[in-house]
C-alpha atoms as a PDB file:
ATOM      1  CA  MET A   1      37.702  46.693 -66.309  1.00  0.00           C
ATOM      2  CA  ASN A   2      37.863  50.459 -65.718  1.00  0.00           C
ATOM      3  CA  THR A   3      40.199  52.443 -67.979  1.00  0.00           C
ATOM      4  CA  LEU A   4      41.419  55.985 -68.525  1.00  0.00           C
ATOM      5  CA  PRO A   5      40.780  57.534 -71.943  1.00  0.00           C
ATOM      6  CA  SER A   6      43.308  56.400 -74.588  1.00  0.00           C
ATOM      7  CA  GLU A   7      44.960  53.966 -72.188  1.00  0.00           C
ATOM      8  CA  PRO A   8      46.266  51.306 -72.675  1.00  0.00           C
ATOM      9  CA  PRO A   9      47.504  51.542 -76.294  1.00  0.00           C
ATOM     10  CA  SER A  10      45.038  50.468 -78.927  1.00  0.00           C
ATOM     11  CA  ASN A  11      47.478  48.102 -80.667  1.00  0.00           C
ATOM     12  CA  GLY A  12      47.752  45.984 -77.510  1.00  0.00           C
ATOM     13  CA  SER A  13      51.547  45.813 -77.460  1.00  0.00           C
ATOM     14  CA  MET A  14      54.322  47.450 -75.482  1.00  0.00           C
ATOM     15  CA  ARG A  15      58.100  47.433 -75.186  1.00  0.00           C
ATOM     16  CA  ALA A  16      59.785  45.548 -72.357  1.00  0.00           C
ATOM     17  CA  VAL A  17      63.168  44.141 -71.382  1.00  0.00           C
ATOM     18  CA  VAL A  18      62.868  40.368 -71.568  1.00  0.00           C
ATOM     19  CA  TYR A  19      65.430  37.763 -70.479  1.00  0.00           C
ATOM     20  CA  ASP A  20      65.124  34.195 -71.708  1.00  0.00           C
ATOM     21  CA  ARG A  21      68.206  32.981 -69.803  1.00  0.00           C
ATOM     22  CA  PRO A  22      71.043  34.461 -67.713  1.00  0.00           C
ATOM     23  CA  GLY A  23      72.939  37.166 -69.549  1.00  0.00           C
ATOM     24  CA  ALA A  24      70.592  37.133 -72.553  1.00  0.00           C
ATOM     25  CA  PHE A  25      67.972  39.861 -72.933  1.00  0.00           C
ATOM     26  CA  ALA A  26      66.276  41.933 -75.592  1.00  0.00           C
ATOM     27  CA  VAL A  27      64.069  44.996 -75.642  1.00  0.00           C
ATOM     28  CA  CYS A  28      61.110  43.687 -77.581  1.00  0.00           C
ATOM     29  CA  GLN A  29      57.408  44.034 -78.256  1.00  0.00           C
ATOM     30  CA  VAL A  30      55.165  42.000 -75.951  1.00  0.00           C
ATOM     31  CA  PRO A  31      51.422  42.093 -75.236  1.00  0.00           C
ATOM     32  CA  VAL A  32      50.212  44.674 -72.749  1.00  0.00           C
ATOM     33  CA  PRO A  33      49.212  42.680 -69.627  1.00  0.00           C
ATOM     34  CA  GLN A  34      45.602  42.730 -68.555  1.00  0.00           C
ATOM     35  CA  PRO A  35      44.750  43.323 -64.887  1.00  0.00           C
ATOM     36  CA  GLY A  36      42.815  40.670 -63.022  1.00  0.00           C
ATOM     37  CA  PRO A  37      39.874  41.529 -60.742  1.00  0.00           C
ATOM     38  CA  ASP A  38      42.100  42.741 -57.860  1.00  0.00           C
ATOM     39  CA  GLU A  39      44.848  44.273 -59.985  1.00  0.00           C
ATOM     40  CA  VAL A  40      45.701  47.535 -61.709  1.00  0.00           C
ATOM     41  CA  LEU A  41      47.604  48.340 -64.884  1.00  0.00           C
ATOM     42  CA  LEU A  42      50.341  50.938 -64.503  1.00  0.00           C
ATOM     43  CA  ARG A  43      52.014  53.066 -67.120  1.00  0.00           C
ATOM     44  CA  VAL A  44      55.556  52.904 -65.781  1.00  0.00           C
ATOM     45  CA  LEU A  45      56.989  56.373 -65.187  1.00  0.00           C
ATOM     46  CA  ALA A  46      60.371  55.378 -63.751  1.00  0.00           C
ATOM     47  CA  ALA A  47      62.117  52.241 -62.549  1.00  0.00           C
ATOM     48  CA  GLY A  48      65.299  52.147 -60.487  1.00  0.00           C
ATOM     49  CA  VAL A  49      68.310  50.059 -61.461  1.00  0.00           C
ATOM     50  CA  CYS A  50      70.249  48.466 -58.610  1.00  0.00           C
ATOM     51  CA  GLY A  51      72.858  45.848 -57.809  1.00  0.00           C
ATOM     52  CA  THR A  52      70.186  43.173 -57.560  1.00  0.00           C
ATOM     53  CA  ASP A  53      69.511  43.649 -61.267  1.00  0.00           C
ATOM     54  CA  ARG A  54      73.165  42.941 -61.958  1.00  0.00           C
ATOM     55  CA  HIS A  55      72.919  39.695 -59.977  1.00  0.00           C
ATOM     56  CA  LEU A  56      69.716  38.775 -61.803  1.00  0.00           C
ATOM     57  CA  HIS A  57      71.481  39.393 -65.100  1.00  0.00           C
ATOM     58  CA  ASP A  58      73.999  36.733 -64.067  1.00  0.00           C
ATOM     59  CA  GLY A  59      71.257  34.287 -63.109  1.00  0.00           C
ATOM     60  CA  GLU A  60      71.537  34.804 -59.352  1.00  0.00           C
ATOM     61  CA  PHE A  61      68.790  35.654 -56.847  1.00  0.00           C
ATOM     62  CA  GLY A  62      66.281  33.125 -58.172  1.00  0.00           C
ATOM     63  CA  PRO A  63      65.029  34.576 -61.470  1.00  0.00           C
ATOM     64  CA  SER A  64      62.216  32.890 -63.399  1.00  0.00           C
ATOM     65  CA  TYR A  65      62.214  33.030 -67.202  1.00  0.00           C
ATOM     66  CA  PRO A  66      61.050  34.664 -69.310  1.00  0.00           C
ATOM     67  CA  LEU A  67      61.739  37.598 -67.016  1.00  0.00           C
ATOM     68  CA  THR A  68      61.168  41.323 -67.199  1.00  0.00           C
ATOM     69  CA  PRO A  69      63.256  42.743 -64.330  1.00  0.00           C
ATOM     70  CA  GLY A  70      62.760  46.007 -62.468  1.00  0.00           C
ATOM     71  CA  HIS A  71      61.639  45.781 -58.841  1.00  0.00           C
ATOM     72  CA  GLU A  72      61.729  49.504 -57.963  1.00  0.00           C
ATOM     73  CA  PHE A  73      59.050  51.284 -59.963  1.00  0.00           C
ATOM     74  CA  VAL A  74      56.526  54.087 -59.946  1.00  0.00           C
ATOM     75  CA  GLY A  75      53.629  54.309 -62.342  1.00  0.00           C
ATOM     76  CA  GLU A  76      50.337  55.932 -63.199  1.00  0.00           C
ATOM     77  CA  VAL A  77      47.235  53.772 -62.793  1.00  0.00           C
ATOM     78  CA  VAL A  78      45.578  53.574 -66.211  1.00  0.00           C
ATOM     79  CA  ALA A  79      43.234  50.602 -65.773  1.00  0.00           C
ATOM     80  CA  ALA A  80      41.741  48.710 -62.854  1.00  0.00           C
ATOM     81  CA  GLY A  81      40.216  45.276 -62.382  1.00  0.00           C
ATOM     82  CA  SER A  82      36.538  44.766 -61.730  1.00  0.00           C
ATOM     83  CA  SER A  83      36.944  44.471 -57.936  1.00  0.00           C
ATOM     84  CA  VAL A  84      39.155  47.544 -57.568  1.00  0.00           C
ATOM     85  CA  GLY A  85      36.829  50.353 -58.585  1.00  0.00           C
ATOM     86  CA  GLU A  86      37.914  53.687 -59.980  1.00  0.00           C
ATOM     87  CA  ALA A  87      39.507  55.336 -56.930  1.00  0.00           C
ATOM     88  CA  LEU A  88      43.086  54.681 -58.074  1.00  0.00           C
ATOM     89  CA  LEU A  89      42.613  55.637 -61.721  1.00  0.00           C
ATOM     90  CA  GLY A  90      44.890  58.479 -62.742  1.00  0.00           C
ATOM     91  CA  HIS A  91      46.905  58.423 -59.549  1.00  0.00           C
ATOM     92  CA  ARG A  92      50.661  57.996 -59.325  1.00  0.00           C
ATOM     93  CA  VAL A  93      51.698  55.059 -57.159  1.00  0.00           C
ATOM     94  CA  ALA A  94      54.819  53.412 -55.784  1.00  0.00           C
ATOM     95  CA  VAL A  95      54.613  49.634 -55.567  1.00  0.00           C
ATOM     96  CA  ASP A  96      55.609  47.100 -52.970  1.00  0.00           C
ATOM     97  CA  ASN A  97      56.932  44.539 -55.433  1.00  0.00           C
ATOM     98  CA  THR A  98      56.505  41.473 -53.197  1.00  0.00           C
ATOM     99  CA  ALA A  99      53.383  39.427 -52.530  1.00  0.00           C
ATOM    100  CA  SER A 100      53.355  36.701 -49.881  1.00  0.00           C
ATOM    101  CA  CYS A 101      50.782  33.953 -49.490  1.00  0.00           C
ATOM    102  CA  GLY A 102      49.917  34.700 -45.843  1.00  0.00           C
ATOM    103  CA  ARG A 103      49.510  30.995 -45.089  1.00  0.00           C
ATOM    104  CA  CYS A 104      52.912  29.264 -45.086  1.00  0.00           C
ATOM    105  CA  VAL A 105      55.020  28.756 -41.965  1.00  0.00           C
ATOM    106  CA  GLU A 106      57.148  31.848 -42.614  1.00  0.00           C
ATOM    107  CA  CYS A 107      54.133  34.077 -43.215  1.00  0.00           C
ATOM    108  CA  ARG A 108      52.534  32.791 -40.018  1.00  0.00           C
ATOM    109  CA  ARG A 109      55.684  33.884 -38.186  1.00  0.00           C
ATOM    110  CA  ALA A 110      55.432  37.410 -39.669  1.00  0.00           C
ATOM    111  CA  ARG A 111      58.327  36.877 -42.089  1.00  0.00           C
ATOM    112  CA  PRO A 112      56.640  37.523 -45.450  1.00  0.00           C
ATOM    113  CA  ALA A 113      59.934  38.132 -47.278  1.00  0.00           C
ATOM    114  CA  PHE A 114      60.693  34.446 -46.712  1.00  0.00           C
ATOM    115  CA  CYS A 115      57.287  33.243 -47.890  1.00  0.00           C
ATOM    116  CA  GLN A 116      57.541  29.804 -49.458  1.00  0.00           C
ATOM    117  CA  HIS A 117      55.361  31.033 -52.316  1.00  0.00           C
ATOM    118  CA  LEU A 118      56.723  34.567 -52.636  1.00  0.00           C
ATOM    119  CA  VAL A 119      55.970  36.467 -55.823  1.00  0.00           C
ATOM    120  CA  ALA A 120      58.552  39.194 -56.389  1.00  0.00           C
ATOM    121  CA  GLN A 121      57.985  41.435 -59.371  1.00  0.00           C
ATOM    122  CA  GLY A 122      61.205  41.939 -61.269  1.00  0.00           C
ATOM    123  CA  VAL A 123      62.587  38.646 -59.932  1.00  0.00           C
ATOM    124  CA  ASN A 124      60.140  35.799 -60.559  1.00  0.00           C
ATOM    125  CA  ALA A 125      57.283  37.861 -62.009  1.00  0.00           C
ATOM    126  CA  PRO A 126      57.155  40.706 -64.561  1.00  0.00           C
ATOM    127  CA  GLY A 127      58.676  43.931 -63.272  1.00  0.00           C
ATOM    128  CA  GLY A 128      58.998  47.571 -64.178  1.00  0.00           C
ATOM    129  CA  PHE A 129      61.534  47.642 -67.030  1.00  0.00           C
ATOM    130  CA  ALA A 130      58.603  47.931 -69.411  1.00  0.00           C
ATOM    131  CA  GLU A 131      56.116  50.508 -70.617  1.00  0.00           C
ATOM    132  CA  TYR A 132      53.300  48.895 -68.637  1.00  0.00           C
ATOM    133  CA  VAL A 133      53.091  46.505 -65.705  1.00  0.00           C
ATOM    134  CA  VAL A 134      50.268  44.842 -63.774  1.00  0.00           C
ATOM    135  CA  THR A 135      50.333  44.721 -59.984  1.00  0.00           C
ATOM    136  CA  SER A 136      47.982  44.111 -57.074  1.00  0.00           C
ATOM    137  CA  ALA A 137      45.961  47.158 -56.139  1.00  0.00           C
ATOM    138  CA  ASP A 138      46.534  46.546 -52.438  1.00  0.00           C
ATOM    139  CA  ARG A 139      50.295  46.890 -52.905  1.00  0.00           C
ATOM    140  CA  CYS A 140      50.043  50.368 -54.401  1.00  0.00           C
ATOM    141  CA  PHE A 141      50.873  53.471 -52.359  1.00  0.00           C
ATOM    142  CA  CYS A 142      49.680  56.826 -53.694  1.00  0.00           C
ATOM    143  CA  VAL A 143      52.566  59.246 -54.198  1.00  0.00           C
ATOM    144  CA  ASP A 144      50.918  62.103 -56.082  1.00  0.00           C
ATOM    145  CA  ASP A 145      52.583  64.465 -53.602  1.00  0.00           C
ATOM    146  CA  LEU A 146      56.101  63.256 -54.388  1.00  0.00           C
ATOM    147  CA  ASP A 147      58.298  63.880 -57.386  1.00  0.00           C
ATOM    148  CA  VAL A 148      58.678  60.699 -59.437  1.00  0.00           C
ATOM    149  CA  GLU A 149      62.433  60.664 -58.826  1.00  0.00           C
ATOM    150  CA  VAL A 150      61.797  60.742 -55.078  1.00  0.00           C
ATOM    151  CA  ALA A 151      58.941  58.235 -55.052  1.00  0.00           C
ATOM    152  CA  VAL A 152      60.974  55.704 -57.054  1.00  0.00           C
ATOM    153  CA  LEU A 153      63.299  55.397 -54.053  1.00  0.00           C
ATOM    154  CA  ALA A 154      60.521  53.951 -51.885  1.00  0.00           C
ATOM    155  CA  GLU A 155      61.552  50.306 -52.310  1.00  0.00           C
ATOM    156  CA  PRO A 156      65.267  50.730 -51.499  1.00  0.00           C
ATOM    157  CA  VAL A 157      64.375  52.978 -48.555  1.00  0.00           C
ATOM    158  CA  ALA A 158      61.903  50.342 -47.342  1.00  0.00           C
ATOM    159  CA  CYS A 159      64.712  47.761 -47.452  1.00  0.00           C
ATOM    160  CA  VAL A 160      66.946  50.041 -45.371  1.00  0.00           C
ATOM    161  CA  VAL A 161      64.186  50.654 -42.832  1.00  0.00           C
ATOM    162  CA  ARG A 162      63.795  46.894 -42.497  1.00  0.00           C
ATOM    163  CA  GLY A 163      67.550  46.598 -42.035  1.00  0.00           C
ATOM    164  CA  LEU A 164      67.487  49.084 -39.193  1.00  0.00           C
ATOM    165  CA  ASP A 165      64.606  47.161 -37.617  1.00  0.00           C
ATOM    166  CA  VAL A 166      66.850  44.085 -37.635  1.00  0.00           C
ATOM    167  CA  LEU A 167      69.931  45.963 -36.441  1.00  0.00           C
ATOM    168  CA  GLN A 168      68.213  47.397 -33.342  1.00  0.00           C
ATOM    169  CA  LEU A 169      70.858  50.075 -32.958  1.00  0.00           C
ATOM    170  CA  GLU A 170      71.584  51.126 -29.382  1.00  0.00           C
ATOM    171  CA  ALA A 171      71.440  54.858 -28.773  1.00  0.00           C
ATOM    172  CA  GLY A 172      74.858  56.454 -28.862  1.00  0.00           C
ATOM    173  CA  ALA A 173      76.566  53.538 -30.602  1.00  0.00           C
ATOM    174  CA  SER A 174      79.621  54.220 -32.722  1.00  0.00           C
ATOM    175  CA  VAL A 175      78.954  53.067 -36.275  1.00  0.00           C
ATOM    176  CA  LEU A 176      81.288  52.351 -39.174  1.00  0.00           C
ATOM    177  CA  LEU A 177      79.474  52.101 -42.486  1.00  0.00           C
ATOM    178  CA  PHE A 178      81.220  50.748 -45.563  1.00  0.00           C
ATOM    179  CA  GLY A 179      79.676  51.955 -48.800  1.00  0.00           C
ATOM    180  CA  SER A 180      78.334  55.205 -50.193  1.00  0.00           C
ATOM    181  CA  GLY A 181      76.226  53.961 -53.068  1.00  0.00           C
ATOM    182  CA  PRO A 182      72.457  54.476 -52.965  1.00  0.00           C
ATOM    183  CA  THR A 183      71.982  52.051 -50.068  1.00  0.00           C
ATOM    184  CA  GLY A 184      74.922  53.457 -48.126  1.00  0.00           C
ATOM    185  CA  LEU A 185      73.657  57.007 -48.551  1.00  0.00           C
ATOM    186  CA  ILE A 186      70.127  56.075 -47.482  1.00  0.00           C
ATOM    187  CA  LEU A 187      71.603  54.281 -44.461  1.00  0.00           C
ATOM    188  CA  THR A 188      73.649  57.389 -43.679  1.00  0.00           C
ATOM    189  CA  SER A 189      70.537  59.564 -43.715  1.00  0.00           C
ATOM    190  CA  LEU A 190      68.582  57.261 -41.422  1.00  0.00           C
ATOM    191  CA  LEU A 191      71.425  56.311 -39.057  1.00  0.00           C
ATOM    192  CA  ARG A 192      71.829  60.013 -38.349  1.00  0.00           C
ATOM    193  CA  HIS A 193      68.241  60.100 -37.122  1.00  0.00           C
ATOM    194  CA  CYS A 194      67.996  56.778 -35.280  1.00  0.00           C
ATOM    195  CA  GLY A 195      70.591  57.000 -32.559  1.00  0.00           C
ATOM    196  CA  ALA A 196      74.106  56.637 -33.951  1.00  0.00           C
ATOM    197  CA  GLY A 197      76.414  58.457 -31.572  1.00  0.00           C
ATOM    198  CA  TYR A 198      79.220  58.859 -34.098  1.00  0.00           C
ATOM    199  CA  LEU A 199      78.978  57.776 -37.715  1.00  0.00           C
ATOM    200  CA  THR A 200      81.993  57.069 -39.898  1.00  0.00           C
ATOM    201  CA  VAL A 201      81.499  56.260 -43.572  1.00  0.00           C
ATOM    202  CA  ALA A 202      84.221  54.605 -45.634  1.00  0.00           C
ATOM    203  CA  ALA A 203      84.121  54.182 -49.405  1.00  0.00           C
ATOM    204  CA  ARG A 204      86.215  54.242 -52.556  1.00  0.00           C
ATOM    205  CA  THR A 205      84.820  57.369 -54.252  1.00  0.00           C
ATOM    206  CA  GLN A 206      85.369  60.834 -52.795  1.00  0.00           C
ATOM    207  CA  SER A 207      82.395  62.441 -54.533  1.00  0.00           C
ATOM    208  CA  LYS A 208      80.080  59.880 -52.922  1.00  0.00           C
ATOM    209  CA  LEU A 209      81.727  60.408 -49.536  1.00  0.00           C
ATOM    210  CA  ASP A 210      80.925  64.097 -49.948  1.00  0.00           C
ATOM    211  CA  LEU A 211      77.267  63.111 -50.325  1.00  0.00           C
ATOM    212  CA  ALA A 212      77.575  61.059 -47.137  1.00  0.00           C
ATOM    213  CA  SER A 213      78.975  64.079 -45.284  1.00  0.00           C
ATOM    214  CA  ALA A 214      76.054  66.159 -46.497  1.00  0.00           C
ATOM    215  CA  ARG A 215      73.699  63.523 -45.068  1.00  0.00           C
ATOM    216  CA  GLY A 216      75.158  63.592 -41.580  1.00  0.00           C
ATOM    217  CA  ALA A 217      78.274  61.414 -41.530  1.00  0.00           C
ATOM    218  CA  ASP A 218      80.552  62.693 -38.772  1.00  0.00           C
ATOM    219  CA  HIS A 219      83.683  61.506 -40.539  1.00  0.00           C
ATOM    220  CA  THR A 220      84.527  59.920 -43.883  1.00  0.00           C
ATOM    221  CA  VAL A 221      87.493  57.836 -44.951  1.00  0.00           C
ATOM    222  CA  LEU A 222      88.547  57.218 -48.530  1.00  0.00           C
ATOM    223  CA  ILE A 223      89.611  53.632 -49.222  1.00  0.00           C
ATOM    224  CA  ASP A 224      92.033  54.266 -52.069  1.00  0.00           C
ATOM    225  CA  ARG A 225      92.014  51.483 -54.625  1.00  0.00           C
ATOM    226  CA  ALA A 226      95.771  51.888 -55.067  1.00  0.00           C
ATOM    227  CA  ASP A 227      96.516  51.721 -51.332  1.00  0.00           C
ATOM    228  CA  PRO A 228      93.520  50.333 -49.412  1.00  0.00           C
ATOM    229  CA  ASP A 229      95.615  49.438 -46.350  1.00  0.00           C
ATOM    230  CA  ALA A 230      96.108  53.125 -45.556  1.00  0.00           C
ATOM    231  CA  GLY A 231      92.369  53.714 -45.324  1.00  0.00           C
ATOM    232  CA  TYR A 232      91.793  50.659 -43.136  1.00  0.00           C
ATOM    233  CA  ALA A 233      94.685  51.726 -40.905  1.00  0.00           C
ATOM    234  CA  GLU A 234      93.061  55.133 -40.472  1.00  0.00           C
ATOM    235  CA  LEU A 235      89.768  53.503 -39.504  1.00  0.00           C
ATOM    236  CA  ALA A 236      91.531  51.356 -36.909  1.00  0.00           C
ATOM    237  CA  ALA A 237      93.444  54.323 -35.513  1.00  0.00           C
ATOM    238  CA  ARG A 238      90.263  56.373 -35.077  1.00  0.00           C
ATOM    239  CA  ALA A 239      88.674  53.629 -32.946  1.00  0.00           C
ATOM    240  CA  PRO A 240      91.443  51.661 -31.173  1.00  0.00           C
ATOM    241  CA  LEU A 241      88.889  49.514 -29.330  1.00  0.00           C
ATOM    242  CA  GLY A 242      86.778  49.058 -32.439  1.00  0.00           C
ATOM    243  CA  TYR A 243      83.335  50.281 -33.470  1.00  0.00           C
ATOM    244  CA  ASP A 244      80.129  49.164 -31.769  1.00  0.00           C
ATOM    245  CA  VAL A 245      78.582  48.407 -35.146  1.00  0.00           C
ATOM    246  CA  VAL A 246      80.261  47.768 -38.495  1.00  0.00           C
ATOM    247  CA  ILE A 247      77.917  47.739 -41.494  1.00  0.00           C
ATOM    248  CA  ASP A 248      78.829  46.412 -44.916  1.00  0.00           C
ATOM    249  CA  ALA A 249      76.695  47.992 -47.637  1.00  0.00           C
ATOM    250  CA  THR A 250      79.042  46.965 -50.458  1.00  0.00           C
ATOM    251  CA  GLY A 251      78.821  43.184 -50.788  1.00  0.00           C
ATOM    252  CA  ALA A 252      82.605  43.123 -51.247  1.00  0.00           C
ATOM    253  CA  LEU A 253      84.448  40.213 -49.628  1.00  0.00           C
ATOM    254  CA  GLU A 254      87.440  42.424 -48.858  1.00  0.00           C
ATOM    255  CA  VAL A 255      85.224  44.658 -46.734  1.00  0.00           C
ATOM    256  CA  LEU A 256      83.669  41.721 -44.911  1.00  0.00           C
ATOM    257  CA  GLN A 257      87.096  40.275 -44.149  1.00  0.00           C
ATOM    258  CA  ARG A 258      88.135  43.597 -42.620  1.00  0.00           C
ATOM    259  CA  SER A 259      84.937  44.074 -40.635  1.00  0.00           C
ATOM    260  CA  ILE A 260      85.455  41.747 -37.674  1.00  0.00           C
ATOM    261  CA  PRO A 261      88.880  43.174 -36.666  1.00  0.00           C
ATOM    262  CA  LEU A 262      87.305  46.652 -36.697  1.00  0.00           C
ATOM    263  CA  THR A 263      84.395  45.585 -34.456  1.00  0.00           C
ATOM    264  CA  ARG A 264      84.515  46.250 -30.735  1.00  0.00           C
ATOM    265  CA  THR A 265      84.255  43.333 -28.290  1.00  0.00           C
ATOM    266  CA  GLY A 266      80.542  42.690 -27.826  1.00  0.00           C
ATOM    267  CA  GLY A 267      79.819  44.553 -31.058  1.00  0.00           C
ATOM    268  CA  THR A 268      77.826  43.734 -34.188  1.00  0.00           C
ATOM    269  CA  VAL A 269      78.791  43.104 -37.792  1.00  0.00           C
ATOM    270  CA  PHE A 270      75.816  43.846 -40.021  1.00  0.00           C
ATOM    271  CA  VAL A 271      75.844  42.236 -43.465  1.00  0.00           C
ATOM    272  CA  TYR A 272      73.672  44.436 -45.668  1.00  0.00           C
ATOM    273  CA  GLY A 273      75.483  44.418 -49.009  1.00  0.00           C
ATOM    274  CA  MET A 274      74.616  41.681 -51.484  1.00  0.00           C
ATOM    275  CA  ALA A 275      77.626  39.515 -52.313  1.00  0.00           C
ATOM    276  CA  ALA A 276      77.642  36.993 -55.140  1.00  0.00           C
ATOM    277  CA  GLU A 277      75.855  33.766 -54.210  1.00  0.00           C
ATOM    278  CA  ALA A 278      79.055  31.736 -54.569  1.00  0.00           C
ATOM    279  CA  ALA A 279      81.165  34.098 -52.449  1.00  0.00           C
ATOM    280  CA  LEU A 280      82.643  32.645 -49.249  1.00  0.00           C
ATOM    281  CA  TRP A 281      83.418  34.780 -46.205  1.00  0.00           C
ATOM    282  CA  GLN A 282      86.066  33.325 -43.937  1.00  0.00           C
ATOM    283  CA  VAL A 283      85.050  33.918 -40.326  1.00  0.00           C
ATOM    284  CA  GLN A 284      87.087  32.622 -37.403  1.00  0.00           C
ATOM    285  CA  PRO A 285      84.523  31.071 -35.025  1.00  0.00           C
ATOM    286  CA  TYR A 286      86.805  31.450 -32.026  1.00  0.00           C
ATOM    287  CA  GLU A 287      86.952  35.212 -32.572  1.00  0.00           C
ATOM    288  CA  VAL A 288      83.139  35.427 -32.580  1.00  0.00           C
ATOM    289  CA  PHE A 289      82.989  33.235 -29.476  1.00  0.00           C
ATOM    290  CA  ARG A 290      85.826  34.870 -27.538  1.00  0.00           C
ATOM    291  CA  ARG A 291      84.682  38.443 -28.103  1.00  0.00           C
ATOM    292  CA  GLU A 292      80.934  37.748 -28.032  1.00  0.00           C
ATOM    293  CA  LEU A 293      80.405  39.264 -31.464  1.00  0.00           C
ATOM    294  CA  THR A 294      77.032  39.325 -33.177  1.00  0.00           C
ATOM    295  CA  ILE A 295      76.631  38.863 -36.933  1.00  0.00           C
ATOM    296  CA  LYS A 296      73.329  39.971 -38.432  1.00  0.00           C
ATOM    297  CA  GLY A 297      71.874  40.145 -41.915  1.00  0.00           C
ATOM    298  CA  SER A 298      68.839  41.768 -43.494  1.00  0.00           C
ATOM    299  CA  PHE A 299      66.973  40.703 -46.613  1.00  0.00           C
ATOM    300  CA  ALA A 300      64.536  42.843 -48.600  1.00  0.00           C
ATOM    301  CA  GLN A 301      61.720  44.709 -46.867  1.00  0.00           C
ATOM    302  CA  GLN A 302      58.881  43.670 -44.601  1.00  0.00           C
ATOM    303  CA  PHE A 303      56.152  45.931 -43.149  1.00  0.00           C
ATOM    304  CA  THR A 304      58.195  49.052 -43.944  1.00  0.00           C
ATOM    305  CA  PHE A 305      56.853  50.611 -47.144  1.00  0.00           C
ATOM    306  CA  ASP A 306      54.684  53.183 -45.401  1.00  0.00           C
ATOM    307  CA  ARG A 307      57.525  54.211 -43.085  1.00  0.00           C
ATOM    308  CA  ALA A 308      59.853  54.518 -46.058  1.00  0.00           C
ATOM    309  CA  LEU A 309      57.484  56.931 -47.757  1.00  0.00           C
ATOM    310  CA  ASP A 310      57.177  58.921 -44.522  1.00  0.00           C
ATOM    311  CA  ALA A 311      60.971  59.192 -44.395  1.00  0.00           C
ATOM    312  CA  LEU A 312      61.036  60.496 -47.971  1.00  0.00           C
ATOM    313  CA  ARG A 313      58.176  62.929 -47.345  1.00  0.00           C
ATOM    314  CA  SER A 314      59.786  64.340 -44.203  1.00  0.00           C
ATOM    315  CA  GLY A 315      63.218  64.638 -45.772  1.00  0.00           C
ATOM    316  CA  ARG A 316      64.762  62.286 -43.208  1.00  0.00           C
ATOM    317  CA  VAL A 317      66.014  60.492 -46.297  1.00  0.00           C
ATOM    318  CA  ASP A 318      67.626  63.135 -48.472  1.00  0.00           C
ATOM    319  CA  ALA A 319      66.863  62.234 -52.088  1.00  0.00           C
ATOM    320  CA  ASP A 320      68.772  65.158 -53.531  1.00  0.00           C
ATOM    321  CA  GLY A 321      71.610  64.002 -55.746  1.00  0.00           C
ATOM    322  CA  LEU A 322      70.870  60.272 -55.477  1.00  0.00           C
ATOM    323  CA  ILE A 323      69.571  59.970 -59.047  1.00  0.00           C
ATOM    324  CA  THR A 324      72.508  60.803 -61.277  1.00  0.00           C
ATOM    325  CA  HIS A 325      71.800  58.976 -64.554  1.00  0.00           C
ATOM    326  CA  ARG A 326      68.711  58.300 -66.634  1.00  0.00           C
ATOM    327  CA  PHE A 327      68.316  55.857 -69.506  1.00  0.00           C
ATOM    328  CA  ALA A 328      65.664  55.134 -72.092  1.00  0.00           C
ATOM    329  CA  LEU A 329      64.283  51.601 -72.144  1.00  0.00           C
ATOM    330  CA  GLN A 330      66.197  50.703 -75.301  1.00  0.00           C
ATOM    331  CA  ASN A 331      69.431  51.661 -73.524  1.00  0.00           C
ATOM    332  CA  TYR A 332      68.976  49.092 -70.780  1.00  0.00           C
ATOM    333  CA  ALA A 333      72.398  47.565 -71.425  1.00  0.00           C
ATOM    334  CA  SER A 334      74.033  50.907 -70.631  1.00  0.00           C
ATOM    335  CA  ALA A 335      71.899  51.297 -67.514  1.00  0.00           C
ATOM    336  CA  LEU A 336      72.994  47.877 -66.305  1.00  0.00           C
ATOM    337  CA  ALA A 337      76.653  48.672 -66.954  1.00  0.00           C
ATOM    338  CA  ALA A 338      76.276  51.879 -64.970  1.00  0.00           C
ATOM    339  CA  VAL A 339      75.760  49.848 -61.789  1.00  0.00           C
ATOM    340  CA  SER A 340      79.499  49.196 -61.771  1.00  0.00           C
ATOM    341  CA  ASP A 341      80.507  52.764 -62.689  1.00  0.00           C
ATOM    342  CA  SER A 342      81.997  54.577 -59.685  1.00  0.00           C
ATOM    343  CA  SER A 343      80.783  57.931 -61.022  1.00  0.00           C
ATOM    344  CA  VAL A 344      77.148  56.771 -60.928  1.00  0.00           C
ATOM    345  CA  VAL A 345      75.106  56.911 -57.733  1.00  0.00           C
ATOM    346  CA  LYS A 346      71.683  55.732 -58.894  1.00  0.00           C
ATOM    347  CA  SER A 347      70.266  55.163 -62.389  1.00  0.00           C
ATOM    348  CA  LEU A 348      66.705  55.116 -63.637  1.00  0.00           C
ATOM    349  CA  ILE A 349      64.998  53.544 -66.604  1.00  0.00           C
ATOM    350  CA  LEU A 350      62.478  55.969 -68.091  1.00  0.00           C
ATOM    351  CA  PRO A 351      60.400  53.787 -70.421  1.00  0.00           C
ATOM    352  CA  TRP A 352      58.850  56.688 -72.320  1.00  0.00           C
ATOM    353  CA  ALA A 353      62.083  58.633 -72.893  1.00  0.00           C
ATOM    354  CA  ASN A 354      63.755  58.870 -76.281  1.00  0.00           C
ATOM    355  CA  ALA A 355      67.186  57.309 -76.640  1.00  0.00           C
END
């Protein structure tokens, strides 16, 4: 195994968030993992916290225990397995957190995110809410040229790029996007550059709608928690025939229920937000049939990591202002709570920060 001087720690232990069951975690000392022949050991520099982590906390999304979550992470390569060589040592990398088998029926149909043997770091394998993490060398993307707080967005941007691959937006289409959290804002940035003729963004927080405007939204509508009907009425009035595409990036059932009436005949409802597993969306089949509506969904990312990094490097995805809160590893509980805080856009865990 090749190593950098003084890395990993001589005592062989590190701190990590560890769940032993849904809702039950601790920040504790665990052994530093050792890279196999084709793997590298990363010193985690930053790991993004997202809504998926909230679902994992509740036992949804297929977690395996014991679990260290954190599927969006950037690290410095400090050790490499015997088959990797020394080329990556000392470099900063973003990581594609999923590994597919390449042999099952889904992999053979070029759908690796649905691999029957999928390994997803931060979900069913150790992730980045730790001081160190091991990952496959071939899933590392060098990001020495990017600021850590830009590079850490690679995974969520890759998921959005995959979503737009699935959506297949027609040039000039009118788009209504619900949600101005991290995913909604990344979608806003990319929809502006991939053919949306007119983009309306609707959300519950004005400060986040201001960020959407700065990223190219043509119009924004505030859905007031005290009077949501007024906001939905404004959306309907602005497009009496409906929108060509309505995108939900919230996972809220209320939004999904409102989406079909706001969709133009022949249009598309795109389910991008992650609702609770037990949530039920009532869809009237006759309405889908009569108006020839299309309902699409997108899960995770596939074949998009390199394009995501290109979008961050070019500025097509505007990272400015997306990271609003930062937490030390021992403050993971606060970072998780921040997912539901309307004043927070995106939080990071910084494993080496002081509380």
